[in-house]
Amino acid sequence: MRQAFLPFMTLLTAVPALAAEQAATAAPATSTGSMLQVVLGLAVVLALMAGAAWVLKRMGMAGAGGSSVAKVVGGVSVGNRERVMVVEVADQWIVVGVAPGRVTALSTMPRQEIQAASVGGDDTKNFAAWLKQTIDKRNGN
């Protein structure tokens, strides 16, 4: 009689071992699948955010753009962290001094017409002549 139960007993001891083995092999697949699902979800969210930013930028809602009240006309550096800038507001230019943590109005003047610098202006010709002269000196010509 005992031999009749032997296959049944073997089956009873083999089933938990087989279940444990399947659980051990299935767990990494499940965690890998979960990780893949999280990564894909993150990629979708990031893509949606980038798409929304692109749409807002195309529609002109991202910033003030060219419709601002003040426009920087120009500026020059007068120190390591200091600048003098000309800002146009309506029909008036305001000369301001800019330093770290401080902006000071220096002067105001009526709006001026800016003459566009030509591409081949005097500064470019002077630099080209100076560069040619320096190269010639270096080469011994």
C-alpha atoms as a PDB file:
ATOM      1  CA  MET A   1       0.000   0.000   0.000  1.00  0.00           C
ATOM      2  CA  ARG A   2       2.823   2.235   0.799  1.00  0.00           C
ATOM      3  CA  GLN A   3       4.184   1.890  -2.682  1.00  0.00           C
ATOM      4  CA  ALA A   4       0.844   2.989  -4.093  1.00  0.00           C
ATOM      5  CA  PHE A   5       1.179   6.323  -2.321  1.00  0.00           C
ATOM      6  CA  LEU A   6       4.782   6.834  -3.338  1.00  0.00           C
ATOM      7  CA  PRO A   7       4.001   8.487  -6.710  1.00  0.00           C
ATOM      8  CA  PHE A   8       1.380  10.603  -4.998  1.00  0.00           C
ATOM      9  CA  MET A   9       3.854  11.627  -2.257  1.00  0.00           C
ATOM     10  CA  THR A  10       6.489  12.430  -4.844  1.00  0.00           C
ATOM     11  CA  LEU A  11       3.967  14.547  -6.662  1.00  0.00           C
ATOM     12  CA  LEU A  12       3.037  16.383  -3.451  1.00  0.00           C
ATOM     13  CA  THR A  13       6.669  17.237  -2.725  1.00  0.00           C
ATOM     14  CA  ALA A  14       7.411  18.144  -6.344  1.00  0.00           C
ATOM     15  CA  VAL A  15       4.501  20.565  -6.780  1.00  0.00           C
ATOM     16  CA  PRO A  16       5.680  23.131  -4.172  1.00  0.00           C
ATOM     17  CA  ALA A  17       9.236  22.924  -5.504  1.00  0.00           C
ATOM     18  CA  LEU A  18       7.981  23.418  -9.052  1.00  0.00           C
ATOM     19  CA  ALA A  19       5.792  26.353  -7.959  1.00  0.00           C
ATOM     20  CA  ALA A  20       8.711  27.975  -6.144  1.00  0.00           C
ATOM     21  CA  GLU A  21      10.918  27.527  -9.207  1.00  0.00           C
ATOM     22  CA  GLN A  22       8.303  29.105 -11.470  1.00  0.00           C
ATOM     23  CA  ALA A  23       7.795  31.976  -9.041  1.00  0.00           C
ATOM     24  CA  ALA A  24      11.526  32.586  -8.933  1.00  0.00           C
ATOM     25  CA  THR A  25      11.776  32.673 -12.715  1.00  0.00           C
ATOM     26  CA  ALA A  26       8.577  34.705 -13.098  1.00  0.00           C
ATOM     27  CA  ALA A  27       9.532  37.369 -10.550  1.00  0.00           C
ATOM     28  CA  PRO A  28      12.381  38.903 -12.578  1.00  0.00           C
ATOM     29  CA  ALA A  29      10.205  38.897 -15.684  1.00  0.00           C
ATOM     30  CA  THR A  30       7.458  40.673 -13.774  1.00  0.00           C
ATOM     31  CA  SER A  31       9.837  43.225 -12.274  1.00  0.00           C
ATOM     32  CA  THR A  32      11.461  43.742 -15.675  1.00  0.00           C
ATOM     33  CA  GLY A  33       8.029  44.229 -17.206  1.00  0.00           C
ATOM     34  CA  SER A  34       7.110  46.673 -14.452  1.00  0.00           C
ATOM     35  CA  MET A  35      10.333  48.610 -14.954  1.00  0.00           C
ATOM     36  CA  LEU A  36       9.732  48.739 -18.694  1.00  0.00           C
ATOM     37  CA  GLN A  37       6.198  49.982 -18.076  1.00  0.00           C
ATOM     38  CA  VAL A  38       7.480  52.742 -15.745  1.00  0.00           C
ATOM     39  CA  VAL A  39      10.143  53.848 -18.231  1.00  0.00           C
ATOM     40  CA  LEU A  40       7.668  53.923 -21.120  1.00  0.00           C
ATOM     41  CA  GLY A  41       5.185  55.871 -18.994  1.00  0.00           C
ATOM     42  CA  LEU A  42       7.882  58.403 -18.105  1.00  0.00           C
ATOM     43  CA  ALA A  43       8.843  58.759 -21.777  1.00  0.00           C
ATOM     44  CA  VAL A  44       5.208  59.395 -22.713  1.00  0.00           C
ATOM     45  CA  VAL A  45       4.803  62.059 -20.008  1.00  0.00           C
ATOM     46  CA  LEU A  46       8.030  63.806 -21.030  1.00  0.00           C
ATOM     47  CA  ALA A  47       6.985  63.725 -24.682  1.00  0.00           C
ATOM     48  CA  LEU A  48       3.613  65.247 -23.793  1.00  0.00           C
ATOM     49  CA  MET A  49       5.317  68.028 -21.812  1.00  0.00           C
ATOM     50  CA  ALA A  50       7.702  68.797 -24.677  1.00  0.00           C
ATOM     51  CA  GLY A  51       4.805  68.813 -27.136  1.00  0.00           C
ATOM     52  CA  ALA A  52       2.779  71.176 -24.954  1.00  0.00           C
ATOM     53  CA  ALA A  53       5.762  73.543 -24.617  1.00  0.00           C
ATOM     54  CA  TRP A  54       6.263  73.494 -28.395  1.00  0.00           C
ATOM     55  CA  VAL A  55       2.576  74.254 -29.018  1.00  0.00           C
ATOM     56  CA  LEU A  56       2.596  77.120 -26.512  1.00  0.00           C
ATOM     57  CA  LYS A  57       5.727  78.546 -28.096  1.00  0.00           C
ATOM     58  CA  ARG A  58       4.237  78.311 -31.601  1.00  0.00           C
ATOM     59  CA  MET A  59       1.055  80.018 -30.435  1.00  0.00           C
ATOM     60  CA  GLY A  60       3.021  82.833 -28.791  1.00  0.00           C
ATOM     61  CA  MET A  61       1.848  82.103 -25.266  1.00  0.00           C
ATOM     62  CA  ALA A  62       5.259  81.165 -23.841  1.00  0.00           C
ATOM     63  CA  GLY A  63       6.528  84.702 -23.340  1.00  0.00           C
ATOM     64  CA  ALA A  64       6.001  88.347 -24.168  1.00  0.00           C
ATOM     65  CA  GLY A  65       8.157  88.044 -27.304  1.00  0.00           C
ATOM     66  CA  GLY A  66       8.422  91.191 -29.438  1.00  0.00           C
ATOM     67  CA  SER A  67       5.475  92.997 -27.866  1.00  0.00           C
ATOM     68  CA  SER A  68       7.412  94.197 -24.834  1.00  0.00           C
ATOM     69  CA  VAL A  69       7.260  97.777 -23.612  1.00  0.00           C
ATOM     70  CA  ALA A  70      11.022  98.196 -23.218  1.00  0.00           C
ATOM     71  CA  LYS A  71      13.688  97.267 -25.763  1.00  0.00           C
ATOM     72  CA  VAL A  72      17.457  97.171 -25.237  1.00  0.00           C
ATOM     73  CA  VAL A  73      19.079  99.363 -27.889  1.00  0.00           C
ATOM     74  CA  GLY A  74      22.688  98.638 -26.961  1.00  0.00           C
ATOM     75  CA  GLY A  75      25.217  98.437 -24.206  1.00  0.00           C
ATOM     76  CA  VAL A  76      28.870  98.471 -23.352  1.00  0.00           C
ATOM     77  CA  SER A  77      30.823  96.747 -20.605  1.00  0.00           C
ATOM     78  CA  VAL A  78      32.607  99.204 -18.308  1.00  0.00           C
ATOM     79  CA  GLY A  79      33.918  96.734 -15.763  1.00  0.00           C
ATOM     80  CA  ASN A  80      34.061  93.117 -14.844  1.00  0.00           C
ATOM     81  CA  ARG A  81      30.378  92.967 -13.919  1.00  0.00           C
ATOM     82  CA  GLU A  82      29.189  96.473 -14.778  1.00  0.00           C
ATOM     83  CA  ARG A  83      27.507  97.669 -17.973  1.00  0.00           C
ATOM     84  CA  VAL A  84      26.043 100.881 -19.351  1.00  0.00           C
ATOM     85  CA  MET A  85      22.962 100.150 -21.428  1.00  0.00           C
ATOM     86  CA  VAL A  86      20.524 102.160 -23.525  1.00  0.00           C
ATOM     87  CA  VAL A  87      16.898 101.089 -23.144  1.00  0.00           C
ATOM     88  CA  GLU A  88      14.113 102.359 -25.415  1.00  0.00           C
ATOM     89  CA  VAL A  89      10.749 103.002 -23.777  1.00  0.00           C
ATOM     90  CA  ALA A  90       8.100 104.561 -26.068  1.00  0.00           C
ATOM     91  CA  ASP A  91       9.883 107.480 -27.817  1.00  0.00           C
ATOM     92  CA  GLN A  92      12.548 107.931 -25.178  1.00  0.00           C
ATOM     93  CA  TRP A  93      15.948 106.388 -24.537  1.00  0.00           C
ATOM     94  CA  ILE A  94      17.056 105.809 -20.963  1.00  0.00           C
ATOM     95  CA  VAL A  95      20.760 105.312 -20.244  1.00  0.00           C
ATOM     96  CA  VAL A  96      21.139 102.965 -17.284  1.00  0.00           C
ATOM     97  CA  GLY A  97      24.052 101.628 -15.303  1.00  0.00           C
ATOM     98  CA  VAL A  98      23.753  97.943 -14.478  1.00  0.00           C
ATOM     99  CA  ALA A  99      25.750  96.322 -11.673  1.00  0.00           C
ATOM    100  CA  PRO A 100      25.103  93.157  -9.659  1.00  0.00           C
ATOM    101  CA  GLY A 101      21.917  93.782  -7.705  1.00  0.00           C
ATOM    102  CA  ARG A 102      21.513  97.385  -8.878  1.00  0.00           C
ATOM    103  CA  VAL A 103      20.156  99.287 -11.897  1.00  0.00           C
ATOM    104  CA  THR A 104      20.583 103.079 -11.901  1.00  0.00           C
ATOM    105  CA  ALA A 105      19.104 105.553 -14.398  1.00  0.00           C
ATOM    106  CA  LEU A 106      21.951 107.775 -15.594  1.00  0.00           C
ATOM    107  CA  SER A 107      20.288 109.926 -18.233  1.00  0.00           C
ATOM    108  CA  THR A 108      17.317 110.244 -20.580  1.00  0.00           C
ATOM    109  CA  MET A 109      17.203 111.508 -24.151  1.00  0.00           C
ATOM    110  CA  PRO A 110      14.765 111.552 -27.053  1.00  0.00           C
ATOM    111  CA  ARG A 111      14.777 108.517 -29.361  1.00  0.00           C
ATOM    112  CA  GLN A 112      17.569 108.626 -31.965  1.00  0.00           C
ATOM    113  CA  GLU A 113      17.714 107.075 -35.418  1.00  0.00           C
ATOM    114  CA  ILE A 114      20.257 104.258 -35.518  1.00  0.00           C
ATOM    115  CA  GLN A 115      22.458 104.082 -38.587  1.00  0.00           C
ATOM    116  CA  ALA A 116      22.938 100.478 -39.588  1.00  0.00           C
ATOM    117  CA  ALA A 117      26.574  99.466 -39.770  1.00  0.00           C
ATOM    118  CA  SER A 118      27.547  98.227 -43.195  1.00  0.00           C
ATOM    119  CA  VAL A 119      28.968  94.745 -43.506  1.00  0.00           C
ATOM    120  CA  GLY A 120      32.234  95.944 -45.021  1.00  0.00           C
ATOM    121  CA  GLY A 121      32.564  99.016 -42.792  1.00  0.00           C
ATOM    122  CA  ASP A 122      35.719 100.851 -41.757  1.00  0.00           C
ATOM    123  CA  ASP A 123      36.223  98.683 -38.672  1.00  0.00           C
ATOM    124  CA  THR A 124      36.276  95.554 -40.806  1.00  0.00           C
ATOM    125  CA  LYS A 125      38.738  97.075 -43.268  1.00  0.00           C
ATOM    126  CA  ASN A 126      40.994  98.280 -40.467  1.00  0.00           C
ATOM    127  CA  PHE A 127      40.972  94.853 -38.842  1.00  0.00           C
ATOM    128  CA  ALA A 128      41.644  93.127 -42.151  1.00  0.00           C
ATOM    129  CA  ALA A 129      44.598  95.461 -42.830  1.00  0.00           C
ATOM    130  CA  TRP A 130      45.964  94.954 -39.314  1.00  0.00           C
ATOM    131  CA  LEU A 131      45.610  91.157 -39.594  1.00  0.00           C
ATOM    132  CA  LYS A 132      47.356  91.102 -42.997  1.00  0.00           C
ATOM    133  CA  GLN A 133      50.170  93.274 -41.662  1.00  0.00           C
ATOM    134  CA  THR A 134      50.606  91.047 -38.589  1.00  0.00           C
ATOM    135  CA  ILE A 135      50.679  87.877 -40.687  1.00  0.00           C
ATOM    136  CA  ASP A 136      53.206  89.422 -43.076  1.00  0.00           C
ATOM    137  CA  LYS A 137      55.455  90.409 -40.143  1.00  0.00           C
ATOM    138  CA  ARG A 138      55.215  86.947 -38.652  1.00  0.00           C
ATOM    139  CA  ASN A 139      56.070  85.263 -41.958  1.00  0.00           C
ATOM    140  CA  GLY A 140      59.007  87.636 -42.540  1.00  0.00           C
ATOM    141  CA  ASN A 141      57.615  89.356 -45.651  1.00  0.00           C
END
